[in-house]
C-alpha atoms as a PDB file:
ATOM      1  CA  MET A   1       0.000   0.000   0.000  1.00  0.00           C
ATOM      2  CA  HIS A   2       1.359   3.391  -0.926  1.00  0.00           C
ATOM      3  CA  GLU A   3       1.409   6.236   1.582  1.00  0.00           C
ATOM      4  CA  GLU A   4      -0.904   8.275  -0.645  1.00  0.00           C
ATOM      5  CA  ASP A   5      -3.490   5.443  -0.479  1.00  0.00           C
ATOM      6  CA  ALA A   6      -3.677   5.480   3.395  1.00  0.00           C
ATOM      7  CA  LEU A   7      -6.774   7.153   4.857  1.00  0.00           C
ATOM      8  CA  PRO A   8      -5.939  10.199   6.971  1.00  0.00           C
ATOM      9  CA  PHE A   9      -6.581   9.742  10.729  1.00  0.00           C
ATOM     10  CA  ASN A  10      -8.920  12.396  12.144  1.00  0.00           C
ATOM     11  CA  PHE A  11      -7.965  12.790  15.837  1.00  0.00           C
ATOM     12  CA  TRP A  12     -10.626  15.296  16.894  1.00  0.00           C
ATOM     13  CA  PRO A  13     -13.824  13.250  16.324  1.00  0.00           C
ATOM     14  CA  SER A  14     -12.321  10.381  18.356  1.00  0.00           C
ATOM     15  CA  PHE A  15     -11.322  12.757  21.123  1.00  0.00           C
ATOM     16  CA  ALA A  16     -14.795  14.296  21.116  1.00  0.00           C
ATOM     17  CA  ASP A  17     -16.404  10.846  21.446  1.00  0.00           C
ATOM     18  CA  LEU A  18     -14.103  10.064  24.367  1.00  0.00           C
ATOM     19  CA  MET A  19     -14.954  13.301  26.156  1.00  0.00           C
ATOM     20  CA  LEU A  20     -18.668  12.730  25.586  1.00  0.00           C
ATOM     21  CA  SER A  21     -18.335   9.291  27.189  1.00  0.00           C
ATOM     22  CA  VAL A  22     -16.502  10.788  30.180  1.00  0.00           C
ATOM     23  CA  VAL A  23     -19.193  13.452  30.623  1.00  0.00           C
ATOM     24  CA  LEU A  24     -21.938  10.823  30.469  1.00  0.00           C
ATOM     25  CA  ILE A  25     -20.159   8.719  33.101  1.00  0.00           C
ATOM     26  CA  LEU A  26     -19.804  11.759  35.364  1.00  0.00           C
ATOM     27  CA  ILE A  27     -23.492  12.554  34.967  1.00  0.00           C
ATOM     28  CA  ILE A  28     -24.402   8.975  35.899  1.00  0.00           C
ATOM     29  CA  VAL A  29     -22.098   9.051  38.953  1.00  0.00           C
ATOM     30  CA  ILE A  30     -23.526  12.391  40.108  1.00  0.00           C
ATOM     31  CA  PHE A  31     -27.067  11.060  39.657  1.00  0.00           C
ATOM     32  CA  ILE A  32     -26.268   7.958  41.723  1.00  0.00           C
ATOM     33  CA  ILE A  33     -24.691  10.039  44.511  1.00  0.00           C
ATOM     34  CA  TYR A  34     -27.645  12.421  44.517  1.00  0.00           C
ATOM     35  CA  SER A  35     -30.092   9.503  44.665  1.00  0.00           C
ATOM     36  CA  VAL A  36     -28.245   7.925  47.592  1.00  0.00           C
ATOM     37  CA  LEU A  37     -28.093  11.218  49.502  1.00  0.00           C
ATOM     38  CA  SER A  38     -31.757  11.917  48.797  1.00  0.00           C
ATOM     39  CA  ALA A  39     -32.728   8.459  50.030  1.00  0.00           C
ATOM     40  CA  GLY A  40     -30.676   9.042  53.178  1.00  0.00           C
ATOM     41  CA  THR A  41     -32.443  12.334  53.812  1.00  0.00           C
ATOM     42  CA  VAL A  42     -35.849  10.706  53.382  1.00  0.00           C
ATOM     43  CA  ASN A  43     -34.875   7.887  55.750  1.00  0.00           C
ATOM     44  CA  LEU A  44     -33.637  10.344  58.380  1.00  0.00           C
ATOM     45  CA  ARG A  45     -36.883  12.283  58.184  1.00  0.00           C
ATOM     46  CA  HIS A  46     -38.764   9.022  58.647  1.00  0.00           C
ATOM     47  CA  VAL A  47     -36.707   8.279  61.787  1.00  0.00           C
ATOM     48  CA  GLN A  48     -37.304  11.790  63.120  1.00  0.00           C
ATOM     49  CA  LYS A  49     -41.044  11.326  62.631  1.00  0.00           C
ATOM     50  CA  ARG A  50     -40.956   8.054  64.602  1.00  0.00           C
ATOM     51  CA  GLN A  51     -38.926   9.694  67.366  1.00  0.00           C
ATOM     52  CA  GLN A  52     -41.392  12.539  67.669  1.00  0.00           C
ATOM     53  CA  THR A  53     -44.280  10.080  67.772  1.00  0.00           C
ATOM     54  CA  MET A  54     -42.638   8.291  70.715  1.00  0.00           C
ATOM     55  CA  ILE A  55     -42.181  11.563  72.608  1.00  0.00           C
ATOM     56  CA  GLU A  56     -45.663  12.937  71.991  1.00  0.00           C
ATOM     57  CA  THR A  57     -47.428   9.654  72.758  1.00  0.00           C
ATOM     58  CA  MET A  58     -45.513   9.216  76.023  1.00  0.00           C
ATOM     59  CA  ALA A  59     -46.332  12.789  77.046  1.00  0.00           C
ATOM     60  CA  ASP A  60     -50.025  12.300  76.192  1.00  0.00           C
ATOM     61  CA  THR A  61     -50.101   9.222  78.424  1.00  0.00           C
ATOM     62  CA  TYR A  62     -49.419  11.475  81.427  1.00  0.00           C
ATOM     63  CA  GLY A  63     -51.380  14.475  80.243  1.00  0.00           C
ATOM     64  CA  ALA A  64     -48.141  16.404  79.913  1.00  0.00           C
ATOM     65  CA  LYS A  65     -46.489  18.526  77.282  1.00  0.00           C
ATOM     66  CA  PRO A  66     -42.863  17.781  76.340  1.00  0.00           C
ATOM     67  CA  GLU A  67     -40.545  20.453  77.693  1.00  0.00           C
ATOM     68  CA  GLU A  68     -37.845  21.384  75.195  1.00  0.00           C
ATOM     69  CA  LEU A  69     -34.541  21.603  77.077  1.00  0.00           C
ATOM     70  CA  GLY A  70     -32.373  22.208  74.031  1.00  0.00           C
ATOM     71  CA  LYS A  71     -31.893  21.072  70.465  1.00  0.00           C
ATOM     72  CA  ASP A  72     -33.365  17.558  70.222  1.00  0.00           C
ATOM     73  CA  VAL A  73     -33.619  17.262  74.029  1.00  0.00           C
ATOM     74  CA  TYR A  74     -36.981  16.991  75.778  1.00  0.00           C
ATOM     75  CA  ALA A  75     -38.304  16.299  79.281  1.00  0.00           C
ATOM     76  CA  ILE A  76     -41.597  14.822  80.445  1.00  0.00           C
ATOM     77  CA  SER A  77     -43.033  15.045  83.958  1.00  0.00           C
ATOM     78  CA  ILE A  78     -44.532  11.710  84.913  1.00  0.00           C
ATOM     79  CA  ASN A  79     -45.634  12.432  88.472  1.00  0.00           C
ATOM     80  CA  ARG A  80     -47.107  15.858  87.556  1.00  0.00           C
ATOM     81  CA  LYS A  81     -44.831  17.685  90.004  1.00  0.00           C
ATOM     82  CA  LYS A  82     -42.962  19.478  87.224  1.00  0.00           C
ATOM     83  CA  ASN A  83     -40.005  17.157  87.702  1.00  0.00           C
ATOM     84  CA  ARG A  84     -37.969  16.067  84.735  1.00  0.00           C
ATOM     85  CA  ASP A  85     -38.657  12.394  85.411  1.00  0.00           C
ATOM     86  CA  LEU A  86     -38.000  11.369  81.830  1.00  0.00           C
ATOM     87  CA  VAL A  87     -35.445  13.053  79.568  1.00  0.00           C
ATOM     88  CA  ILE A  88     -35.311  12.165  75.873  1.00  0.00           C
ATOM     89  CA  ARG A  89     -32.427  12.893  73.543  1.00  0.00           C
ATOM     90  CA  ASN A  90     -32.814  12.417  69.789  1.00  0.00           C
ATOM     91  CA  GLU A  91     -29.852  11.578  67.577  1.00  0.00           C
ATOM     92  CA  PRO A  92     -29.926  10.917  63.816  1.00  0.00           C
ATOM     93  CA  THR A  93     -30.659   7.174  64.098  1.00  0.00           C
ATOM     94  CA  MET A  94     -30.894   6.684  67.873  1.00  0.00           C
ATOM     95  CA  GLN A  95     -33.172   7.867  70.683  1.00  0.00           C
ATOM     96  CA  ARG A  96     -32.179   7.875  74.366  1.00  0.00           C
ATOM     97  CA  PHE A  97     -34.816   7.705  77.118  1.00  0.00           C
ATOM     98  CA  SER A  98     -33.407   8.512  80.548  1.00  0.00           C
ATOM     99  CA  PHE A  99     -35.691   7.455  83.431  1.00  0.00           C
ATOM    100  CA  GLY A 100     -34.877   8.825  86.864  1.00  0.00           C
ATOM    101  CA  SER A 101     -34.275   5.873  89.200  1.00  0.00           C
ATOM    102  CA  HIS A 102     -36.708   7.425  91.737  1.00  0.00           C
ATOM    103  CA  ILE A 103     -39.675   6.625  89.493  1.00  0.00           C
ATOM    104  CA  LEU A 104     -38.640   2.992  88.944  1.00  0.00           C
ATOM    105  CA  PHE A 105     -36.916   1.663  92.084  1.00  0.00           C
ATOM    106  CA  PRO A 106     -36.807   2.113  95.859  1.00  0.00           C
ATOM    107  CA  GLN A 107     -33.560   3.608  97.141  1.00  0.00           C
ATOM    108  CA  ASP A 108     -30.669   1.118  97.014  1.00  0.00           C
ATOM    109  CA  GLU A 109     -32.973  -1.625  95.656  1.00  0.00           C
ATOM    110  CA  TYR A 110     -33.326  -3.283  92.272  1.00  0.00           C
ATOM    111  CA  ASN A 111     -36.894  -4.582  92.415  1.00  0.00           C
ATOM    112  CA  LEU A 112     -39.288  -2.378  90.444  1.00  0.00           C
ATOM    113  CA  THR A 113     -41.919  -0.523  92.437  1.00  0.00           C
ATOM    114  CA  ALA A 114     -45.576  -0.802  91.426  1.00  0.00           C
ATOM    115  CA  GLY A 115     -45.307   2.714  90.019  1.00  0.00           C
ATOM    116  CA  GLY A 116     -42.118   1.808  88.179  1.00  0.00           C
ATOM    117  CA  ARG A 117     -43.786  -1.182  86.592  1.00  0.00           C
ATOM    118  CA  ALA A 118     -46.676   1.030  85.494  1.00  0.00           C
ATOM    119  CA  VAL A 119     -44.292   3.546  83.910  1.00  0.00           C
ATOM    120  CA  LEU A 120     -42.412   0.843  82.007  1.00  0.00           C
ATOM    121  CA  ARG A 121     -45.668  -0.810  80.962  1.00  0.00           C
ATOM    122  CA  ASN A 122     -46.941   2.465  79.510  1.00  0.00           C
ATOM    123  CA  PHE A 123     -43.641   2.970  77.726  1.00  0.00           C
ATOM    124  CA  GLY A 124     -43.669  -0.632  76.512  1.00  0.00           C
ATOM    125  CA  VAL A 125     -47.111  -0.291  74.944  1.00  0.00           C
ATOM    126  CA  ILE A 126     -45.801   2.621  72.869  1.00  0.00           C
ATOM    127  CA  LEU A 127     -42.518   0.870  72.124  1.00  0.00           C
ATOM    128  CA  LYS A 128     -44.155  -2.315  70.862  1.00  0.00           C
ATOM    129  CA  LYS A 129     -46.005  -0.344  68.190  1.00  0.00           C
ATOM    130  CA  GLN A 130     -42.628   0.853  66.875  1.00  0.00           C
ATOM    131  CA  LEU A 131     -40.648  -2.375  67.204  1.00  0.00           C
ATOM    132  CA  TYR A 132     -40.691  -3.044  63.470  1.00  0.00           C
ATOM    133  CA  GLN A 133     -38.751   0.223  63.054  1.00  0.00           C
ATOM    134  CA  ILE A 134     -36.156  -0.554  65.749  1.00  0.00           C
ATOM    135  CA  ARG A 135     -33.124  -2.753  65.172  1.00  0.00           C
ATOM    136  CA  GLU A 136     -31.702  -2.791  68.709  1.00  0.00           C
ATOM    137  CA  ILE A 137     -32.642  -1.912  72.299  1.00  0.00           C
ATOM    138  CA  GLN A 138     -29.960  -1.217  74.898  1.00  0.00           C
ATOM    139  CA  ILE A 139     -30.806  -0.948  78.602  1.00  0.00           C
ATOM    140  CA  GLN A 140     -28.145   0.868  80.628  1.00  0.00           C
ATOM    141  CA  GLY A 141     -27.946   1.140  84.413  1.00  0.00           C
ATOM    142  CA  HIS A 142     -26.283   4.182  86.022  1.00  0.00           C
ATOM    143  CA  ALA A 143     -25.602   5.170  89.637  1.00  0.00           C
ATOM    144  CA  ASP A 144     -24.025   7.945  91.680  1.00  0.00           C
ATOM    145  CA  PRO A 145     -20.752   7.478  93.634  1.00  0.00           C
ATOM    146  CA  VAL A 146     -22.410   7.187  97.070  1.00  0.00           C
ATOM    147  CA  PRO A 147     -21.541   3.642  98.262  1.00  0.00           C
ATOM    148  CA  THR A 148     -24.386   1.156  98.316  1.00  0.00           C
ATOM    149  CA  SER A 149     -25.108  -0.481 101.650  1.00  0.00           C
ATOM    150  CA  LYS A 150     -26.820  -3.599 100.277  1.00  0.00           C
ATOM    151  CA  HIS A 151     -24.753  -4.610  97.255  1.00  0.00           C
ATOM    152  CA  LYS A 152     -21.117  -5.266  96.388  1.00  0.00           C
ATOM    153  CA  SER A 153     -20.810  -2.027  94.466  1.00  0.00           C
ATOM    154  CA  ASN A 154     -22.797   0.559  92.543  1.00  0.00           C
ATOM    155  CA  LEU A 155     -21.752  -1.281  89.399  1.00  0.00           C
ATOM    156  CA  ASP A 156     -23.592  -4.354  90.706  1.00  0.00           C
ATOM    157  CA  LEU A 157     -26.663  -2.353  91.740  1.00  0.00           C
ATOM    158  CA  ALA A 158     -26.921  -0.598  88.361  1.00  0.00           C
ATOM    159  CA  SER A 159     -26.439  -3.942  86.621  1.00  0.00           C
ATOM    160  CA  LEU A 160     -29.216  -5.603  88.630  1.00  0.00           C
ATOM    161  CA  ARG A 161     -31.551  -2.723  87.807  1.00  0.00           C
ATOM    162  CA  ALA A 162     -30.796  -2.918  84.085  1.00  0.00           C
ATOM    163  CA  ILE A 163     -31.401  -6.678  84.141  1.00  0.00           C
ATOM    164  CA  GLU A 164     -34.665  -6.152  86.058  1.00  0.00           C
ATOM    165  CA  VAL A 165     -35.896  -3.818  83.287  1.00  0.00           C
ATOM    166  CA  PHE A 166     -34.732  -6.333  80.676  1.00  0.00           C
ATOM    167  CA  ARG A 167     -36.709  -9.123  82.368  1.00  0.00           C
ATOM    168  CA  PHE A 168     -39.779  -6.905  82.675  1.00  0.00           C
ATOM    169  CA  PHE A 169     -39.700  -6.136  78.959  1.00  0.00           C
ATOM    170  CA  GLN A 170     -39.198  -9.800  78.194  1.00  0.00           C
ATOM    171  CA  ASN A 171     -41.612 -11.447  80.616  1.00  0.00           C
ATOM    172  CA  SER A 172     -44.289  -8.825  81.253  1.00  0.00           C
ATOM    173  CA  LEU A 173     -44.366  -7.015  77.917  1.00  0.00           C
ATOM    174  CA  GLY A 174     -43.553  -9.982  75.671  1.00  0.00           C
ATOM    175  CA  ILE A 175     -40.598  -8.372  73.874  1.00  0.00           C
ATOM    176  CA  ASP A 176     -38.610 -11.409  72.740  1.00  0.00           C
ATOM    177  CA  PRO A 177     -34.823 -10.695  72.730  1.00  0.00           C
ATOM    178  CA  ALA A 178     -34.374 -13.603  70.313  1.00  0.00           C
ATOM    179  CA  LYS A 179     -36.461 -11.659  67.806  1.00  0.00           C
ATOM    180  CA  HIS A 180     -35.773  -8.057  68.851  1.00  0.00           C
ATOM    181  CA  LEU A 181     -32.122  -7.587  69.787  1.00  0.00           C
ATOM    182  CA  MET A 182     -32.002  -6.353  73.386  1.00  0.00           C
ATOM    183  CA  SER A 183     -29.190  -6.058  75.935  1.00  0.00           C
ATOM    184  CA  ALA A 184     -28.605  -4.940  79.532  1.00  0.00           C
ATOM    185  CA  THR A 185     -25.413  -3.375  80.844  1.00  0.00           C
ATOM    186  CA  SER A 186     -24.083  -1.268  83.729  1.00  0.00           C
ATOM    187  CA  PHE A 187     -21.890   1.817  83.887  1.00  0.00           C
ATOM    188  CA  GLY A 188     -22.106   2.087  87.671  1.00  0.00           C
ATOM    189  CA  GLU A 189     -21.127   5.588  88.769  1.00  0.00           C
ATOM    190  CA  TYR A 190     -18.659   6.047  85.919  1.00  0.00           C
ATOM    191  CA  LYS A 191     -20.873   7.809  83.381  1.00  0.00           C
ATOM    192  CA  PRO A 192     -22.575  10.911  84.803  1.00  0.00           C
ATOM    193  CA  VAL A 193     -25.163  12.577  82.587  1.00  0.00           C
ATOM    194  CA  LYS A 194     -22.709  15.270  81.493  1.00  0.00           C
ATOM    195  CA  ARG A 195     -19.891  12.899  80.586  1.00  0.00           C
ATOM    196  CA  SER A 196     -19.053  13.042  76.883  1.00  0.00           C
ATOM    197  CA  VAL A 197     -18.118   9.798  75.162  1.00  0.00           C
ATOM    198  CA  ILE A 198     -15.476  11.634  73.101  1.00  0.00           C
ATOM    199  CA  ASP A 199     -13.769  13.194  76.125  1.00  0.00           C
ATOM    200  CA  SER A 200     -10.606  11.194  76.870  1.00  0.00           C
ATOM    201  CA  THR A 201      -9.537  13.325  79.851  1.00  0.00           C
ATOM    202  CA  TYR A 202     -12.073  12.033  82.364  1.00  0.00           C
ATOM    203  CA  SER A 203     -11.007  11.193  85.902  1.00  0.00           C
ATOM    204  CA  LEU A 204     -12.502  10.192  89.243  1.00  0.00           C
ATOM    205  CA  SER A 205     -12.232  13.781  90.465  1.00  0.00           C
ATOM    206  CA  ARG A 206     -14.401  14.970  87.568  1.00  0.00           C
ATOM    207  CA  ILE A 207     -16.966  12.274  88.290  1.00  0.00           C
ATOM    208  CA  LEU A 208     -17.115  13.382  91.940  1.00  0.00           C
ATOM    209  CA  ALA A 209     -17.393  17.021  90.877  1.00  0.00           C
ATOM    210  CA  GLN A 210     -20.438  16.128  88.798  1.00  0.00           C
ATOM    211  CA  ASN A 211     -22.011  14.459  91.845  1.00  0.00           C
ATOM    212  CA  PHE A 212     -21.399  17.350  94.223  1.00  0.00           C
ATOM    213  CA  ASN A 213     -24.986  17.857  95.409  1.00  0.00           C
ATOM    214  CA  ASP A 214     -28.275  15.955  95.671  1.00  0.00           C
ATOM    215  CA  THR A 215     -29.627  17.397  92.427  1.00  0.00           C
ATOM    216  CA  GLN A 216     -26.630  16.185  90.433  1.00  0.00           C
ATOM    217  CA  ARG A 217     -26.661  12.775  92.089  1.00  0.00           C
ATOM    218  CA  SER A 218     -30.378  12.410  91.401  1.00  0.00           C
ATOM    219  CA  MET A 219     -29.809  13.133  87.702  1.00  0.00           C
ATOM    220  CA  ASN A 220     -27.010  10.555  87.521  1.00  0.00           C
ATOM    221  CA  ARG A 221     -29.049   7.762  89.135  1.00  0.00           C
ATOM    222  CA  ARG A 222     -31.001   6.577  86.124  1.00  0.00           C
ATOM    223  CA  ILE A 223     -31.961   3.852  83.683  1.00  0.00           C
ATOM    224  CA  GLU A 224     -31.364   4.705  80.052  1.00  0.00           C
ATOM    225  CA  LEU A 225     -33.148   2.980  77.186  1.00  0.00           C
ATOM    226  CA  LEU A 226     -31.416   3.407  73.837  1.00  0.00           C
ATOM    227  CA  LEU A 227     -33.487   2.734  70.741  1.00  0.00           C
ATOM    228  CA  PHE A 228     -31.532   2.266  67.519  1.00  0.00           C
ATOM    229  CA  TYR A 229     -33.779   2.802  64.512  1.00  0.00           C
ATOM    230  CA  ARG A 230     -33.537   0.961  61.231  1.00  0.00           C
ATOM    231  CA  PHE A 231     -31.926   3.194  58.610  1.00  0.00           C
END
């Protein structure tokens, strides 16, 4: 074949086709990312709606109105004495219900009072309607640093209380932990309400400082129920 018989190679149409392909791929990638982010936003709004339903229904049970303590933090008075008996904190896919130990247990005991059983039963009725939306339930026991006179330690007392709530949910409310993942654990006196999980500088002196008076100690004696929503 002679050189004059060879067809000339046109570089620019091939380059243009390549660039068009790249642009189309970028458009597809951007569309996929946008779709994923949009779906995430819709799911988060769905979780927020379920969280708000839990709060409002629990408040209605006691003829109360949720008190807004801050962004995504609410309190409900259960005994109608304007006490913050129940504090709820909403996070993107988790909701934390903090029950003051005074409404569930006698002092230094782990057996639920009649009133405590009633409170948990009311909460359980609401919870069971949302179980299909919840992937995990954590029950956490917390105490103040004042030594217990009836148990080995506050860690043991808080553990027994968390287990008591677990058994109540299982046996009295019919929440099956084999079907609905549920756990019970104890932090003893080592996690006051104001302790941040990202603070690595905590010490015993700081724990004691956050249990300086009766009000602080009362806030730190609690049972927390953590609901992790499906997302």
